[in-house]
Amino acid sequence: MADVKVKVLDNGPLLVEGTIEVVDAEGNTFQQKGALCRCGLTANAPFCNGAHAGKFENAPRAK
């Protein structure tokens, strides 16, 4: 299996580097690919559409 990295972007989405499968609660696979939303403002859930710009501040750091 290839390595996968999930990068938490400051004030933005989760950027997935590598191949993953995104599945909903019923087991259906999403066909679209892209950064995963973490602000909840996207109209394209679970993927980011940039709606967070200027409206979401969150820059977590690993401890």
PDB file of N, CA and C in Angstrom:
ATOM      1  N   MET A   1       0.839  -1.174   0.000  1.00  0.00           N
ATOM      2  CA  MET A   1       0.000   0.000   0.000  1.00  0.00           C
ATOM      3  C   MET A   1       0.890   1.245   0.000  1.00  0.00           C
ATOM      4  N   ALA A   2       0.504   2.243  -0.759  1.00  0.00           N
ATOM      5  CA  ALA A   2       1.273   3.468  -0.848  1.00  0.00           C
ATOM      6  C   ALA A   2       1.133   4.277   0.428  1.00  0.00           C
ATOM      7  N   ASP A   3       2.140   5.088   0.699  1.00  0.00           N
ATOM      8  CA  ASP A   3       2.070   5.979   1.854  1.00  0.00           C
ATOM      9  C   ASP A   3       1.051   7.077   1.603  1.00  0.00           C
ATOM     10  N   VAL A   4       0.332   7.437   2.639  1.00  0.00           N
ATOM     11  CA  VAL A   4      -0.655   8.504   2.568  1.00  0.00           C
ATOM     12  C   VAL A   4      -0.319   9.510   3.655  1.00  0.00           C
ATOM     13  N   LYS A   5      -0.371  10.786   3.300  1.00  0.00           N
ATOM     14  CA  LYS A   5      -0.139  11.847   4.270  1.00  0.00           C
ATOM     15  C   LYS A   5      -1.335  12.776   4.239  1.00  0.00           C
ATOM     16  N   VAL A   6      -1.831  13.160   5.420  1.00  0.00           N
ATOM     17  CA  VAL A   6      -2.911  14.130   5.538  1.00  0.00           C
ATOM     18  C   VAL A   6      -2.308  15.373   6.173  1.00  0.00           C
ATOM     19  N   LYS A   7      -2.330  16.466   5.419  1.00  0.00           N
ATOM     20  CA  LYS A   7      -1.737  17.717   5.873  1.00  0.00           C
ATOM     21  C   LYS A   7      -2.850  18.666   6.303  1.00  0.00           C
ATOM     22  N   VAL A   8      -2.774  19.145   7.556  1.00  0.00           N
ATOM     23  CA  VAL A   8      -3.754  20.088   8.081  1.00  0.00           C
ATOM     24  C   VAL A   8      -3.294  21.488   7.680  1.00  0.00           C
ATOM     25  N   LEU A   9      -4.021  22.101   6.746  1.00  0.00           N
ATOM     26  CA  LEU A   9      -3.644  23.428   6.282  1.00  0.00           C
ATOM     27  C   LEU A   9      -4.183  24.491   7.236  1.00  0.00           C
ATOM     28  N   ASP A  10      -3.354  25.476   7.571  1.00  0.00           N
ATOM     29  CA  ASP A  10      -3.802  26.565   8.427  1.00  0.00           C
ATOM     30  C   ASP A  10      -5.012  27.243   7.820  1.00  0.00           C
ATOM     31  N   ASN A  11      -6.063  27.383   8.626  1.00  0.00           N
ATOM     32  CA  ASN A  11      -7.286  28.072   8.199  1.00  0.00           C
ATOM     33  C   ASN A  11      -7.894  27.493   6.928  1.00  0.00           C
ATOM     34  N   GLY A  12      -7.673  26.216   6.702  1.00  0.00           N
ATOM     35  CA  GLY A  12      -8.174  25.602   5.477  1.00  0.00           C
ATOM     36  C   GLY A  12      -8.468  24.124   5.634  1.00  0.00           C
ATOM     37  N   PRO A  13      -8.479  23.405   4.521  1.00  0.00           N
ATOM     38  CA  PRO A  13      -8.906  22.003   4.516  1.00  0.00           C
ATOM     39  C   PRO A  13      -7.823  21.023   4.942  1.00  0.00           C
ATOM     40  N   LEU A  14      -8.196  19.764   4.908  1.00  0.00           N
ATOM     41  CA  LEU A  14      -7.253  18.663   5.072  1.00  0.00           C
ATOM     42  C   LEU A  14      -6.811  18.235   3.676  1.00  0.00           C
ATOM     43  N   LEU A  15      -5.542  18.379   3.396  1.00  0.00           N
ATOM     44  CA  LEU A  15      -5.009  18.024   2.087  1.00  0.00           C
ATOM     45  C   LEU A  15      -4.464  16.606   2.153  1.00  0.00           C
ATOM     46  N   VAL A  16      -5.027  15.716   1.349  1.00  0.00           N
ATOM     47  CA  VAL A  16      -4.620  14.314   1.336  1.00  0.00           C
ATOM     48  C   VAL A  16      -3.620  14.102   0.215  1.00  0.00           C
ATOM     49  N   GLU A  17      -2.446  13.610   0.585  1.00  0.00           N
ATOM     50  CA  GLU A  17      -1.408  13.287  -0.394  1.00  0.00           C
ATOM     51  C   GLU A  17      -1.309  11.767  -0.464  1.00  0.00           C
ATOM     52  N   GLY A  18      -1.651  11.200  -1.599  1.00  0.00           N
ATOM     53  CA  GLY A  18      -1.711   9.755  -1.758  1.00  0.00           C
ATOM     54  C   GLY A  18      -3.128   9.351  -2.110  1.00  0.00           C
ATOM     55  N   THR A  19      -3.339   8.087  -2.291  1.00  0.00           N
ATOM     56  CA  THR A  19      -4.643   7.593  -2.705  1.00  0.00           C
ATOM     57  C   THR A  19      -5.410   7.042  -1.509  1.00  0.00           C
ATOM     58  N   ILE A  20      -6.628   7.553  -1.333  1.00  0.00           N
ATOM     59  CA  ILE A  20      -7.524   7.044  -0.303  1.00  0.00           C
ATOM     60  C   ILE A  20      -8.893   6.841  -0.917  1.00  0.00           C
ATOM     61  N   GLU A  21      -9.741   6.141  -0.207  1.00  0.00           N
ATOM     62  CA  GLU A  21     -11.130   5.963  -0.617  1.00  0.00           C
ATOM     63  C   GLU A  21     -11.989   6.675   0.422  1.00  0.00           C
ATOM     64  N   VAL A  22     -12.854   7.585  -0.021  1.00  0.00           N
ATOM     65  CA  VAL A  22     -13.756   8.296   0.875  1.00  0.00           C
ATOM     66  C   VAL A  22     -15.133   7.647   0.740  1.00  0.00           C
ATOM     67  N   VAL A  23     -15.669   7.166   1.872  1.00  0.00           N
ATOM     68  CA  VAL A  23     -16.902   6.383   1.887  1.00  0.00           C
ATOM     69  C   VAL A  23     -17.904   7.045   2.840  1.00  0.00           C
ATOM     70  N   ASP A  24     -19.185   7.119   2.423  1.00  0.00           N
ATOM     71  CA  ASP A  24     -20.215   7.706   3.288  1.00  0.00           C
ATOM     72  C   ASP A  24     -20.708   6.676   4.306  1.00  0.00           C
ATOM     73  N   ALA A  25     -21.646   7.073   5.160  1.00  0.00           N
ATOM     74  CA  ALA A  25     -22.143   6.217   6.237  1.00  0.00           C
ATOM     75  C   ALA A  25     -22.863   4.964   5.747  1.00  0.00           C
ATOM     76  N   GLU A  26     -23.303   4.972   4.487  1.00  0.00           N
ATOM     77  CA  GLU A  26     -23.988   3.802   3.919  1.00  0.00           C
ATOM     78  C   GLU A  26     -23.054   2.908   3.105  1.00  0.00           C
ATOM     79  N   GLY A  27     -21.767   3.272   3.066  1.00  0.00           N
ATOM     80  CA  GLY A  27     -20.789   2.469   2.344  1.00  0.00           C
ATOM     81  C   GLY A  27     -20.592   2.862   0.900  1.00  0.00           C
ATOM     82  N   ASN A  28     -21.222   3.956   0.461  1.00  0.00           N
ATOM     83  CA  ASN A  28     -21.064   4.435  -0.916  1.00  0.00           C
ATOM     84  C   ASN A  28     -19.776   5.235  -1.050  1.00  0.00           C
ATOM     85  N   THR A  29     -19.068   5.018  -2.134  1.00  0.00           N
ATOM     86  CA  THR A  29     -17.811   5.704  -2.376  1.00  0.00           C
ATOM     87  C   THR A  29     -18.044   7.005  -3.132  1.00  0.00           C
ATOM     88  N   PHE A  30     -17.418   8.079  -2.654  1.00  0.00           N
ATOM     89  CA  PHE A  30     -17.469   9.355  -3.366  1.00  0.00           C
ATOM     90  C   PHE A  30     -16.573   9.260  -4.592  1.00  0.00           C
ATOM     91  N   GLN A  31     -17.056   9.742  -5.724  1.00  0.00           N
ATOM     92  CA  GLN A  31     -16.293   9.686  -6.959  1.00  0.00           C
ATOM     93  C   GLN A  31     -15.348  10.881  -7.107  1.00  0.00           C
ATOM     94  N   GLN A  32     -15.703  11.989  -6.512  1.00  0.00           N
ATOM     95  CA  GLN A  32     -14.881  13.182  -6.609  1.00  0.00           C
ATOM     96  C   GLN A  32     -13.666  13.052  -5.710  1.00  0.00           C
ATOM     97  N   LYS A  33     -12.620  13.768  -6.072  1.00  0.00           N
ATOM     98  CA  LYS A  33     -11.419  13.813  -5.253  1.00  0.00           C
ATOM     99  C   LYS A  33     -11.119  15.263  -4.934  1.00  0.00           C
ATOM    100  N   GLY A  34     -10.372  15.475  -3.892  1.00  0.00           N
ATOM    101  CA  GLY A  34      -9.979  16.823  -3.523  1.00  0.00           C
ATOM    102  C   GLY A  34      -9.693  16.914  -2.040  1.00  0.00           C
ATOM    103  N   ALA A  35      -9.380  18.132  -1.590  1.00  0.00           N
ATOM    104  CA  ALA A  35      -9.109  18.374  -0.188  1.00  0.00           C
ATOM    105  C   ALA A  35     -10.398  18.186   0.609  1.00  0.00           C
ATOM    106  N   LEU A  36     -10.274  17.682   1.818  1.00  0.00           N
ATOM    107  CA  LEU A  36     -11.432  17.438   2.674  1.00  0.00           C
ATOM    108  C   LEU A  36     -11.719  18.664   3.535  1.00  0.00           C
ATOM    109  N   CYS A  37     -12.983  19.083   3.547  1.00  0.00           N
ATOM    110  CA  CYS A  37     -13.416  20.251   4.314  1.00  0.00           C
ATOM    111  C   CYS A  37     -13.333  19.957   5.805  1.00  0.00           C
ATOM    112  N   ARG A  38     -12.912  20.943   6.578  1.00  0.00           N
ATOM    113  CA  ARG A  38     -12.984  20.807   8.033  1.00  0.00           C
ATOM    114  C   ARG A  38     -13.672  22.001   8.678  1.00  0.00           C
ATOM    115  N   CYS A  39     -14.151  22.961   7.886  1.00  0.00           N
ATOM    116  CA  CYS A  39     -14.822  24.134   8.453  1.00  0.00           C
ATOM    117  C   CYS A  39     -16.336  23.973   8.476  1.00  0.00           C
ATOM    118  N   GLY A  40     -16.880  23.088   7.629  1.00  0.00           N
ATOM    119  CA  GLY A  40     -18.316  22.875   7.569  1.00  0.00           C
ATOM    120  C   GLY A  40     -19.070  23.871   6.703  1.00  0.00           C
ATOM    121  N   LEU A  41     -18.364  24.764   6.017  1.00  0.00           N
ATOM    122  CA  LEU A  41     -19.018  25.793   5.205  1.00  0.00           C
ATOM    123  C   LEU A  41     -19.186  25.401   3.734  1.00  0.00           C
ATOM    124  N   THR A  42     -18.575  24.329   3.315  1.00  0.00           N
ATOM    125  CA  THR A  42     -18.629  23.928   1.904  1.00  0.00           C
ATOM    126  C   THR A  42     -20.026  23.494   1.475  1.00  0.00           C
ATOM    127  N   ALA A  43     -20.330  23.744   0.213  1.00  0.00           N
ATOM    128  CA  ALA A  43     -21.571  23.243  -0.384  1.00  0.00           C
ATOM    129  C   ALA A  43     -21.284  21.948  -1.133  1.00  0.00           C
ATOM    130  N   ASN A  44     -20.065  21.460  -1.004  1.00  0.00           N
ATOM    131  CA  ASN A  44     -19.609  20.287  -1.737  1.00  0.00           C
ATOM    132  C   ASN A  44     -19.083  19.212  -0.768  1.00  0.00           C
ATOM    133  N   ALA A  45     -19.734  19.067   0.375  1.00  0.00           N
ATOM    134  CA  ALA A  45     -19.268  18.144   1.416  1.00  0.00           C
ATOM    135  C   ALA A  45     -19.112  16.723   0.885  1.00  0.00           C
ATOM    136  N   PRO A  46     -18.089  16.016   1.295  1.00  0.00           N
ATOM    137  CA  PRO A  46     -17.123  16.359   2.313  1.00  0.00           C
ATOM    138  C   PRO A  46     -15.890  17.087   1.768  1.00  0.00           C
ATOM    139  N   PHE A  47     -15.952  17.570   0.556  1.00  0.00           N
ATOM    140  CA  PHE A  47     -14.792  18.196  -0.069  1.00  0.00           C
ATOM    141  C   PHE A  47     -14.822  19.715   0.063  1.00  0.00           C
ATOM    142  N   CYS A  48     -13.656  20.304   0.103  1.00  0.00           N
ATOM    143  CA  CYS A  48     -13.515  21.749   0.244  1.00  0.00           C
ATOM    144  C   CYS A  48     -13.828  22.450  -1.077  1.00  0.00           C
ATOM    145  N   ASN A  49     -14.540  23.573  -0.983  1.00  0.00           N
ATOM    146  CA  ASN A  49     -14.782  24.387  -2.179  1.00  0.00           C
ATOM    147  C   ASN A  49     -14.282  25.820  -1.992  1.00  0.00           C
ATOM    148  N   GLY A  50     -13.526  26.056  -0.923  1.00  0.00           N
ATOM    149  CA  GLY A  50     -12.960  27.372  -0.670  1.00  0.00           C
ATOM    150  C   GLY A  50     -13.874  28.311   0.092  1.00  0.00           C
ATOM    151  N   ALA A  51     -15.055  27.852   0.509  1.00  0.00           N
ATOM    152  CA  ALA A  51     -16.009  28.704   1.213  1.00  0.00           C
ATOM    153  C   ALA A  51     -15.460  29.205   2.547  1.00  0.00           C
ATOM    154  N   HIS A  52     -14.411  28.573   3.061  1.00  0.00           N
ATOM    155  CA  HIS A  52     -13.827  28.937   4.344  1.00  0.00           C
ATOM    156  C   HIS A  52     -13.059  30.254   4.307  1.00  0.00           C
ATOM    157  N   ALA A  53     -12.670  30.693   3.148  1.00  0.00           N
ATOM    158  CA  ALA A  53     -11.779  31.856   3.011  1.00  0.00           C
ATOM    159  C   ALA A  53     -12.305  33.063   3.778  1.00  0.00           C
ATOM    160  N   GLY A  54     -11.521  33.513   4.747  1.00  0.00           N
ATOM    161  CA  GLY A  54     -11.870  34.662   5.547  1.00  0.00           C
ATOM    162  C   GLY A  54     -12.925  34.416   6.611  1.00  0.00           C
ATOM    163  N   LYS A  55     -13.400  33.168   6.729  1.00  0.00           N
ATOM    164  CA  LYS A  55     -14.484  32.859   7.667  1.00  0.00           C
ATOM    165  C   LYS A  55     -14.129  31.759   8.660  1.00  0.00           C
ATOM    166  N   PHE A  56     -12.933  31.207   8.558  1.00  0.00           N
ATOM    167  CA  PHE A  56     -12.554  30.067   9.375  1.00  0.00           C
ATOM    168  C   PHE A  56     -11.118  30.239   9.828  1.00  0.00           C
ATOM    169  N   GLU A  57     -10.915  30.234  11.124  1.00  0.00           N
ATOM    170  CA  GLU A  57      -9.571  30.340  11.658  1.00  0.00           C
ATOM    171  C   GLU A  57      -9.278  29.143  12.539  1.00  0.00           C
ATOM    172  N   ASN A  58      -8.318  28.370  12.140  1.00  0.00           N
ATOM    173  CA  ASN A  58      -7.922  27.214  12.912  1.00  0.00           C
ATOM    174  C   ASN A  58      -6.575  26.749  12.385  1.00  0.00           C
ATOM    175  N   ALA A  59      -5.590  26.758  13.249  1.00  0.00           N
ATOM    176  CA  ALA A  59      -4.249  26.365  12.850  1.00  0.00           C
ATOM    177  C   ALA A  59      -3.631  25.463  13.924  1.00  0.00           C
ATOM    178  N   PRO A  60      -4.143  24.225  14.040  1.00  0.00           N
ATOM    179  CA  PRO A  60      -3.640  23.332  15.095  1.00  0.00           C
ATOM    180  C   PRO A  60      -2.199  22.911  14.844  1.00  0.00           C
ATOM    181  N   ARG A  61      -1.494  22.641  15.930  1.00  0.00           N
ATOM    182  CA  ARG A  61      -0.126  22.171  15.869  1.00  0.00           C
ATOM    183  C   ARG A  61      -0.005  20.875  16.683  1.00  0.00           C
ATOM    184  N   ALA A  62       0.792  19.965  16.190  1.00  0.00           N
ATOM    185  CA  ALA A  62       1.044  18.714  16.913  1.00  0.00           C
ATOM    186  C   ALA A  62       1.826  19.032  18.188  1.00  0.00           C
ATOM    187  N   LYS A  63       1.527  18.287  19.223  1.00  0.00           N
ATOM    188  CA  LYS A  63       2.230  18.510  20.506  1.00  0.00           C
ATOM    189  C   LYS A  63       3.102  17.354  20.846  1.00  0.00           C
TER     190      LYS A  63
END
